[in-house]
PDB file of N, CA and C in Angstrom:
ATOM      1  N   MET A   1       0.900  -1.110   0.041  1.00  0.00           N
ATOM      2  CA  MET A   1      -0.090  -0.087  -0.124  1.00  0.00           C
ATOM      3  C   MET A   1       0.949   1.265   0.119  1.00  0.00           C
ATOM      4  N   THR A   2       0.578   2.006  -0.847  1.00  0.00           N
ATOM      5  CA  THR A   2       1.468   3.298  -1.030  1.00  0.00           C
ATOM      6  C   THR A   2       1.439   4.256   0.346  1.00  0.00           C
ATOM      7  N   THR A   3       2.570   4.868   0.550  1.00  0.00           N
ATOM      8  CA  THR A   3       2.709   5.672   1.912  1.00  0.00           C
ATOM      9  C   THR A   3       2.568   6.858   1.576  1.00  0.00           C
ATOM     10  N   GLY A   4       2.462   7.327   0.351  1.00  0.00           N
ATOM     11  CA  GLY A   4       2.177   8.785   0.176  1.00  0.00           C
ATOM     12  C   GLY A   4       3.636   9.616   0.014  1.00  0.00           C
ATOM     13  N   PHE A   5       4.627   8.830   0.265  1.00  0.00           N
ATOM     14  CA  PHE A   5       5.916   9.516   0.289  1.00  0.00           C
ATOM     15  C   PHE A   5       6.836   8.503  -0.382  1.00  0.00           C
ATOM     16  N   GLU A   6       7.329   9.061  -1.649  1.00  0.00           N
ATOM     17  CA  GLU A   6       8.058   8.144  -2.571  1.00  0.00           C
ATOM     18  C   GLU A   6       9.460   7.807  -2.052  1.00  0.00           C
ATOM     19  N   SER A   7      10.108   8.738  -1.547  1.00  0.00           N
ATOM     20  CA  SER A   7      11.373   8.345  -0.758  1.00  0.00           C
ATOM     21  C   SER A   7      11.295   7.260   0.149  1.00  0.00           C
ATOM     22  N   LEU A   8      10.144   7.315   0.957  1.00  0.00           N
ATOM     23  CA  LEU A   8      10.014   6.298   2.071  1.00  0.00           C
ATOM     24  C   LEU A   8       9.652   4.844   1.238  1.00  0.00           C
ATOM     25  N   GLU A   9       8.913   4.949   0.211  1.00  0.00           N
ATOM     26  CA  GLU A   9       8.673   3.792  -0.509  1.00  0.00           C
ATOM     27  C   GLU A   9       9.742   2.936  -0.990  1.00  0.00           C
ATOM     28  N   HIS A  10      10.746   3.894  -1.533  1.00  0.00           N
ATOM     29  CA  HIS A  10      12.104   3.295  -1.851  1.00  0.00           C
ATOM     30  C   HIS A  10      12.703   2.300  -0.778  1.00  0.00           C
ATOM     31  N   GLU A  11      12.576   2.706   0.636  1.00  0.00           N
ATOM     32  CA  GLU A  11      13.226   1.919   1.561  1.00  0.00           C
ATOM     33  C   GLU A  11      12.658   0.797   2.119  1.00  0.00           C
ATOM     34  N   LEU A  12      11.337   0.865   1.905  1.00  0.00           N
ATOM     35  CA  LEU A  12      10.399  -0.136   2.469  1.00  0.00           C
ATOM     36  C   LEU A  12      10.202  -1.468   1.743  1.00  0.00           C
ATOM     37  N   PRO A  13      10.096  -2.550   2.165  1.00  0.00           N
ATOM     38  CA  PRO A  13       9.957  -3.865   1.652  1.00  0.00           C
ATOM     39  C   PRO A  13       8.739  -3.844   0.542  1.00  0.00           C
ATOM     40  N   ASN A  14       8.732  -4.278  -0.624  1.00  0.00           N
ATOM     41  CA  ASN A  14       7.605  -4.324  -1.381  1.00  0.00           C
ATOM     42  C   ASN A  14       7.134  -2.858  -1.799  1.00  0.00           C
ATOM     43  N   GLY A  15       7.919  -1.864  -1.553  1.00  0.00           N
ATOM     44  CA  GLY A  15       7.786  -0.467  -2.006  1.00  0.00           C
ATOM     45  C   GLY A  15       6.562   0.168  -1.295  1.00  0.00           C
ATOM     46  N   GLY A  16       6.051  -0.246   0.163  1.00  0.00           N
ATOM     47  CA  GLY A  16       5.140   0.529   0.779  1.00  0.00           C
ATOM     48  C   GLY A  16       4.569  -0.252   2.014  1.00  0.00           C
ATOM     49  N   TRP A  17       3.604   0.227   2.636  1.00  0.00           N
ATOM     50  CA  TRP A  17       3.142  -0.144   3.834  1.00  0.00           C
ATOM     51  C   TRP A  17       2.723  -1.540   3.604  1.00  0.00           C
ATOM     52  N   PRO A  18       2.644  -2.605   4.410  1.00  0.00           N
ATOM     53  CA  PRO A  18       2.325  -3.965   4.306  1.00  0.00           C
ATOM     54  C   PRO A  18       0.637  -3.877   4.235  1.00  0.00           C
ATOM     55  N   ARG A  19       0.143  -4.835   3.663  1.00  0.00           N
ATOM     56  CA  ARG A  19      -1.542  -4.894   3.597  1.00  0.00           C
ATOM     57  C   ARG A  19      -1.988  -6.110   4.500  1.00  0.00           C
ATOM     58  N   SER A  20      -3.005  -5.740   5.202  1.00  0.00           N
ATOM     59  CA  SER A  20      -3.547  -6.460   6.195  1.00  0.00           C
ATOM     60  C   SER A  20      -2.495  -7.058   7.313  1.00  0.00           C
ATOM     61  N   ASN A  21      -1.919  -6.099   7.767  1.00  0.00           N
ATOM     62  CA  ASN A  21      -0.689  -6.404   8.800  1.00  0.00           C
ATOM     63  C   ASN A  21      -0.852  -5.291   9.806  1.00  0.00           C
ATOM     64  N   LEU A  22      -0.399  -5.494  10.839  1.00  0.00           N
ATOM     65  CA  LEU A  22      -0.055  -4.465  11.952  1.00  0.00           C
ATOM     66  C   LEU A  22       1.105  -3.907  11.559  1.00  0.00           C
ATOM     67  N   ILE A  23       0.858  -2.305  11.796  1.00  0.00           N
ATOM     68  CA  ILE A  23       2.078  -1.522  11.322  1.00  0.00           C
ATOM     69  C   ILE A  23       2.340  -0.894  12.878  1.00  0.00           C
ATOM     70  N   GLU A  24       3.578  -1.142  13.108  1.00  0.00           N
ATOM     71  CA  GLU A  24       4.062  -0.689  14.424  1.00  0.00           C
ATOM     72  C   GLU A  24       5.092   0.407  14.163  1.00  0.00           C
ATOM     73  N   LEU A  25       4.861   1.626  14.633  1.00  0.00           N
ATOM     74  CA  LEU A  25       5.825   2.836  14.370  1.00  0.00           C
ATOM     75  C   LEU A  25       6.439   2.832  15.682  1.00  0.00           C
ATOM     76  N   LEU A  26       7.916   2.836  15.566  1.00  0.00           N
ATOM     77  CA  LEU A  26       8.725   3.246  16.728  1.00  0.00           C
ATOM     78  C   LEU A  26       9.651   4.104  16.486  1.00  0.00           C
ATOM     79  N   SER A  27       9.785   4.949  17.439  1.00  0.00           N
ATOM     80  CA  SER A  27      10.730   6.116  17.370  1.00  0.00           C
ATOM     81  C   SER A  27      11.573   6.280  18.509  1.00  0.00           C
ATOM     82  N   GLN A  28      12.829   6.646  18.495  1.00  0.00           N
ATOM     83  CA  GLN A  28      13.721   6.841  19.673  1.00  0.00           C
ATOM     84  C   GLN A  28      13.339   8.125  20.478  1.00  0.00           C
ATOM     85  N   GLN A  29      12.368   9.046  19.929  1.00  0.00           N
ATOM     86  CA  GLN A  29      12.208  10.114  20.668  1.00  0.00           C
ATOM     87  C   GLN A  29      10.678  10.756  20.285  1.00  0.00           C
ATOM     88  N   SER A  30      10.067  10.829  21.167  1.00  0.00           N
ATOM     89  CA  SER A  30       8.637  11.303  20.933  1.00  0.00           C
ATOM     90  C   SER A  30       8.733  12.866  20.562  1.00  0.00           C
ATOM     91  N   GLY A  31       7.463  13.162  19.854  1.00  0.00           N
ATOM     92  CA  GLY A  31       7.152  14.561  19.521  1.00  0.00           C
ATOM     93  C   GLY A  31       8.236  14.973  18.199  1.00  0.00           C
ATOM     94  N   ILE A  32       8.479  13.982  17.456  1.00  0.00           N
ATOM     95  CA  ILE A  32       9.159  14.490  16.376  1.00  0.00           C
ATOM     96  C   ILE A  32       8.460  14.531  15.093  1.00  0.00           C
ATOM     97  N   GLY A  33       7.239  14.132  15.288  1.00  0.00           N
ATOM     98  CA  GLY A  33       6.283  14.302  14.079  1.00  0.00           C
ATOM     99  C   GLY A  33       6.293  12.741  13.193  1.00  0.00           C
ATOM    100  N   SER A  34       6.573  11.606  13.873  1.00  0.00           N
ATOM    101  CA  SER A  34       6.555  10.517  13.194  1.00  0.00           C
ATOM    102  C   SER A  34       5.245  10.054  12.754  1.00  0.00           C
ATOM    103  N   THR A  35       4.118  10.447  13.298  1.00  0.00           N
ATOM    104  CA  THR A  35       2.722  10.259  13.159  1.00  0.00           C
ATOM    105  C   THR A  35       2.441  10.912  11.709  1.00  0.00           C
ATOM    106  N   GLN A  36       3.121  11.774  11.343  1.00  0.00           N
ATOM    107  CA  GLN A  36       3.071  12.297   9.889  1.00  0.00           C
ATOM    108  C   GLN A  36       3.221  11.251   8.782  1.00  0.00           C
ATOM    109  N   LEU A  37       3.845  10.338   9.038  1.00  0.00           N
ATOM    110  CA  LEU A  37       4.277   9.189   8.105  1.00  0.00           C
ATOM    111  C   LEU A  37       3.011   8.425   7.773  1.00  0.00           C
ATOM    112  N   LEU A  38       2.325   8.534   8.697  1.00  0.00           N
ATOM    113  CA  LEU A  38       1.089   7.624   8.714  1.00  0.00           C
ATOM    114  C   LEU A  38      -0.238   8.337   8.136  1.00  0.00           C
ATOM    115  N   LYS A  39      -0.291   9.500   8.067  1.00  0.00           N
ATOM    116  CA  LYS A  39      -1.103  10.334   7.502  1.00  0.00           C
ATOM    117  C   LYS A  39      -1.940  10.126   6.239  1.00  0.00           C
ATOM    118  N   PRO A  40      -1.182   9.769   5.262  1.00  0.00           N
ATOM    119  CA  PRO A  40      -1.859   9.485   4.099  1.00  0.00           C
ATOM    120  C   PRO A  40      -2.491   8.192   3.848  1.00  0.00           C
ATOM    121  N   MET A  41      -2.019   7.414   4.594  1.00  0.00           N
ATOM    122  CA  MET A  41      -2.636   5.837   4.785  1.00  0.00           C
ATOM    123  C   MET A  41      -3.851   6.051   5.731  1.00  0.00           C
ATOM    124  N   LEU A  42      -3.844   6.552   6.807  1.00  0.00           N
ATOM    125  CA  LEU A  42      -4.864   6.869   7.715  1.00  0.00           C
ATOM    126  C   LEU A  42      -6.239   7.344   6.963  1.00  0.00           C
ATOM    127  N   ALA A  43      -5.807   8.268   6.219  1.00  0.00           N
ATOM    128  CA  ALA A  43      -6.947   9.128   5.518  1.00  0.00           C
ATOM    129  C   ALA A  43      -7.608   8.187   4.641  1.00  0.00           C
ATOM    130  N   ARG A  44      -6.765   7.487   3.829  1.00  0.00           N
ATOM    131  CA  ARG A  44      -7.241   6.475   2.712  1.00  0.00           C
ATOM    132  C   ARG A  44      -8.218   5.344   3.301  1.00  0.00           C
ATOM    133  N   LEU A  45      -7.484   4.784   4.477  1.00  0.00           N
ATOM    134  CA  LEU A  45      -7.954   3.582   5.036  1.00  0.00           C
ATOM    135  C   LEU A  45      -9.245   3.773   5.848  1.00  0.00           C
ATOM    136  N   SER A  46      -9.423   5.116   6.199  1.00  0.00           N
ATOM    137  CA  SER A  46     -10.609   5.461   7.119  1.00  0.00           C
ATOM    138  C   SER A  46     -11.961   5.533   6.462  1.00  0.00           C
ATOM    139  N   GLN A  47     -11.739   5.801   5.010  1.00  0.00           N
ATOM    140  CA  GLN A  47     -12.829   5.794   4.208  1.00  0.00           C
ATOM    141  C   GLN A  47     -13.518   4.525   3.844  1.00  0.00           C
ATOM    142  N   SER A  48     -12.861   3.390   4.531  1.00  0.00           N
ATOM    143  CA  SER A  48     -13.608   2.039   4.252  1.00  0.00           C
ATOM    144  C   SER A  48     -13.519   1.012   5.503  1.00  0.00           C
ATOM    145  N   GLN A  49     -12.626   1.370   6.379  1.00  0.00           N
ATOM    146  CA  GLN A  49     -12.285   0.545   7.443  1.00  0.00           C
ATOM    147  C   GLN A  49     -12.099   1.200   8.688  1.00  0.00           C
ATOM    148  N   LYS A  50     -12.194   0.431   9.807  1.00  0.00           N
ATOM    149  CA  LYS A  50     -12.108   0.824  11.034  1.00  0.00           C
ATOM    150  C   LYS A  50     -10.482   0.830  11.344  1.00  0.00           C
ATOM    151  N   ILE A  51     -10.026   1.863  12.157  1.00  0.00           N
ATOM    152  CA  ILE A  51      -8.476   1.979  12.434  1.00  0.00           C
ATOM    153  C   ILE A  51      -8.352   2.051  14.032  1.00  0.00           C
ATOM    154  N   ALA A  52      -7.671   1.020  14.378  1.00  0.00           N
ATOM    155  CA  ALA A  52      -7.172   1.037  16.048  1.00  0.00           C
ATOM    156  C   ALA A  52      -5.933   1.640  16.282  1.00  0.00           C
ATOM    157  N   LEU A  53      -5.625   2.622  16.950  1.00  0.00           N
ATOM    158  CA  LEU A  53      -4.584   3.086  17.359  1.00  0.00           C
ATOM    159  C   LEU A  53      -4.111   2.631  18.797  1.00  0.00           C
ATOM    160  N   ILE A  54      -3.149   1.761  18.783  1.00  0.00           N
ATOM    161  CA  ILE A  54      -2.978   0.953  20.309  1.00  0.00           C
ATOM    162  C   ILE A  54      -1.902   1.657  20.876  1.00  0.00           C
ATOM    163  N   GLN A  55      -2.160   2.317  21.992  1.00  0.00           N
ATOM    164  CA  GLN A  55      -1.133   2.836  22.896  1.00  0.00           C
ATOM    165  C   GLN A  55      -0.366   3.936  22.111  1.00  0.00           C
ATOM    166  N   PRO A  56      -0.938   4.873  21.538  1.00  0.00           N
ATOM    167  CA  PRO A  56      -0.101   5.928  20.830  1.00  0.00           C
ATOM    168  C   PRO A  56       0.244   6.884  22.002  1.00  0.00           C
ATOM    169  N   LEU A  57       1.603   7.551  21.350  1.00  0.00           N
ATOM    170  CA  LEU A  57       2.059   8.390  22.147  1.00  0.00           C
ATOM    171  C   LEU A  57       1.309   9.617  22.721  1.00  0.00           C
ATOM    172  N   TYR A  58       0.425  10.206  21.907  1.00  0.00           N
ATOM    173  CA  TYR A  58      -0.226  11.255  22.283  1.00  0.00           C
ATOM    174  C   TYR A  58      -1.803  10.963  21.931  1.00  0.00           C
ATOM    175  N   LEU A  59      -2.728  11.387  22.715  1.00  0.00           N
ATOM    176  CA  LEU A  59      -4.011  11.330  22.197  1.00  0.00           C
ATOM    177  C   LEU A  59      -4.505  11.753  21.000  1.00  0.00           C
ATOM    178  N   PRO A  60      -4.753  11.377  19.873  1.00  0.00           N
ATOM    179  CA  PRO A  60      -5.131  11.995  18.589  1.00  0.00           C
ATOM    180  C   PRO A  60      -6.176  13.126  18.936  1.00  0.00           C
ATOM    181  N   GLN A  61      -6.082  14.149  18.144  1.00  0.00           N
ATOM    182  CA  GLN A  61      -6.785  15.276  18.129  1.00  0.00           C
ATOM    183  C   GLN A  61      -7.991  15.436  17.108  1.00  0.00           C
ATOM    184  N   ARG A  62      -9.048  15.282  17.490  1.00  0.00           N
ATOM    185  CA  ARG A  62     -10.207  14.950  16.531  1.00  0.00           C
ATOM    186  C   ARG A  62     -10.008  16.173  15.383  1.00  0.00           C
ATOM    187  N   MET A  63      -9.763  17.394  15.760  1.00  0.00           N
ATOM    188  CA  MET A  63      -9.956  18.303  14.761  1.00  0.00           C
ATOM    189  C   MET A  63      -8.627  18.177  13.699  1.00  0.00           C
ATOM    190  N   ALA A  64      -7.578  17.837  14.375  1.00  0.00           N
ATOM    191  CA  ALA A  64      -6.274  17.432  13.469  1.00  0.00           C
ATOM    192  C   ALA A  64      -6.519  16.496  12.481  1.00  0.00           C
ATOM    193  N   CYS A  65      -7.188  15.338  13.119  1.00  0.00           N
ATOM    194  CA  CYS A  65      -7.385  14.140  12.027  1.00  0.00           C
ATOM    195  C   CYS A  65      -8.452  14.504  11.150  1.00  0.00           C
ATOM    196  N   GLN A  66      -9.370  15.267  11.355  1.00  0.00           N
ATOM    197  CA  GLN A  66     -10.439  15.658  10.215  1.00  0.00           C
ATOM    198  C   GLN A  66      -9.823  16.544   9.308  1.00  0.00           C
ATOM    199  N   TYR A  67      -8.846  17.501   9.653  1.00  0.00           N
ATOM    200  CA  TYR A  67      -8.164  18.042   8.848  1.00  0.00           C
ATOM    201  C   TYR A  67      -7.321  17.138   7.890  1.00  0.00           C
ATOM    202  N   TRP A  68      -6.684  16.325   8.301  1.00  0.00           N
ATOM    203  CA  TRP A  68      -6.073  15.328   7.580  1.00  0.00           C
ATOM    204  C   TRP A  68      -6.656  14.504   6.622  1.00  0.00           C
ATOM    205  N   GLY A  69      -8.053  14.468   6.716  1.00  0.00           N
ATOM    206  CA  GLY A  69      -8.931  13.664   5.963  1.00  0.00           C
ATOM    207  C   GLY A  69      -9.307  12.410   6.600  1.00  0.00           C
ATOM    208  N   ILE A  70      -9.085  12.169   7.782  1.00  0.00           N
ATOM    209  CA  ILE A  70      -9.347  10.868   8.526  1.00  0.00           C
ATOM    210  C   ILE A  70     -10.712  11.045   9.010  1.00  0.00           C
ATOM    211  N   ASP A  71     -11.650   9.991   8.591  1.00  0.00           N
ATOM    212  CA  ASP A  71     -13.082   9.944   9.107  1.00  0.00           C
ATOM    213  C   ASP A  71     -12.701   9.328  10.620  1.00  0.00           C
ATOM    214  N   THR A  72     -13.132  10.400  11.702  1.00  0.00           N
ATOM    215  CA  THR A  72     -12.633   9.939  12.988  1.00  0.00           C
ATOM    216  C   THR A  72     -13.696   9.147  13.502  1.00  0.00           C
ATOM    217  N   SER A  73     -15.029   8.869  12.791  1.00  0.00           N
ATOM    218  CA  SER A  73     -15.833   7.956  13.416  1.00  0.00           C
ATOM    219  C   SER A  73     -15.398   6.541  13.148  1.00  0.00           C
ATOM    220  N   ARG A  74     -14.298   6.244  12.409  1.00  0.00           N
ATOM    221  CA  ARG A  74     -13.680   5.019  12.064  1.00  0.00           C
ATOM    222  C   ARG A  74     -12.418   5.059  13.005  1.00  0.00           C
ATOM    223  N   LEU A  75     -12.069   5.715  13.638  1.00  0.00           N
ATOM    224  CA  LEU A  75     -10.898   5.823  14.484  1.00  0.00           C
ATOM    225  C   LEU A  75     -11.021   5.468  15.902  1.00  0.00           C
ATOM    226  N   PHE A  76     -10.178   4.406  16.229  1.00  0.00           N
ATOM    227  CA  PHE A  76     -10.362   4.248  17.784  1.00  0.00           C
ATOM    228  C   PHE A  76      -8.903   4.153  18.301  1.00  0.00           C
ATOM    229  N   TRP A  77      -8.751   4.665  19.694  1.00  0.00           N
ATOM    230  CA  TRP A  77      -7.531   4.519  20.242  1.00  0.00           C
ATOM    231  C   TRP A  77      -7.800   3.866  21.446  1.00  0.00           C
ATOM    232  N   ILE A  78      -6.674   2.759  21.873  1.00  0.00           N
ATOM    233  CA  ILE A  78      -6.908   1.942  23.130  1.00  0.00           C
ATOM    234  C   ILE A  78      -5.608   1.953  23.678  1.00  0.00           C
ATOM    235  N   LYS A  79      -5.981   2.291  25.084  1.00  0.00           N
ATOM    236  CA  LYS A  79      -5.194   2.665  26.057  1.00  0.00           C
ATOM    237  C   LYS A  79      -4.973   1.496  26.814  1.00  0.00           C
ATOM    238  N   ALA A  80      -3.682   0.884  27.314  1.00  0.00           N
ATOM    239  CA  ALA A  80      -3.531  -0.065  28.109  1.00  0.00           C
ATOM    240  C   ALA A  80      -3.360   0.150  29.423  1.00  0.00           C
ATOM    241  N   LYS A  81      -3.750  -0.679  30.456  1.00  0.00           N
ATOM    242  CA  LYS A  81      -3.665  -0.216  31.938  1.00  0.00           C
ATOM    243  C   LYS A  81      -2.101  -0.282  32.331  1.00  0.00           C
ATOM    244  N   SER A  82      -1.260  -0.921  31.800  1.00  0.00           N
ATOM    245  CA  SER A  82       0.067  -1.071  31.778  1.00  0.00           C
ATOM    246  C   SER A  82       0.998  -1.144  30.630  1.00  0.00           C
ATOM    247  N   THR A  83       1.975  -0.858  30.610  1.00  0.00           N
ATOM    248  CA  THR A  83       2.824  -1.085  29.551  1.00  0.00           C
ATOM    249  C   THR A  83       3.481  -2.606  29.765  1.00  0.00           C
ATOM    250  N   ALA A  84       4.206  -2.995  28.603  1.00  0.00           N
ATOM    251  CA  ALA A  84       4.774  -4.515  28.777  1.00  0.00           C
ATOM    252  C   ALA A  84       5.864  -4.453  29.802  1.00  0.00           C
ATOM    253  N   ASP A  85       6.473  -3.246  29.839  1.00  0.00           N
ATOM    254  CA  ASP A  85       7.585  -2.916  30.625  1.00  0.00           C
ATOM    255  C   ASP A  85       7.192  -3.322  32.356  1.00  0.00           C
ATOM    256  N   ALA A  86       5.964  -2.934  32.444  1.00  0.00           N
ATOM    257  CA  ALA A  86       5.416  -2.947  34.008  1.00  0.00           C
ATOM    258  C   ALA A  86       4.961  -4.604  34.472  1.00  0.00           C
ATOM    259  N   LEU A  87       4.950  -5.286  33.352  1.00  0.00           N
ATOM    260  CA  LEU A  87       4.493  -6.514  33.809  1.00  0.00           C
ATOM    261  C   LEU A  87       5.526  -7.394  34.511  1.00  0.00           C
TER     262      LEU A  87
END
């Protein structure tokens, strides 16, 4: 699935995001805009599918998501009671 970023697609296996899989975005530092990488894909997918964000670093802002073209009625976020480190 296209990422919306040509230079990123050259780096990813099969030239884009995997289909029908979990995509985990890991960054060494929070607040550097890594969620921007998912913006085109989230907007496209939200038109036909539900999307779950599991333990995102920041609570998604409804107005920002709508501005990005994401159907927020199909966007869910899940906050765990604890992280894997706390187990």
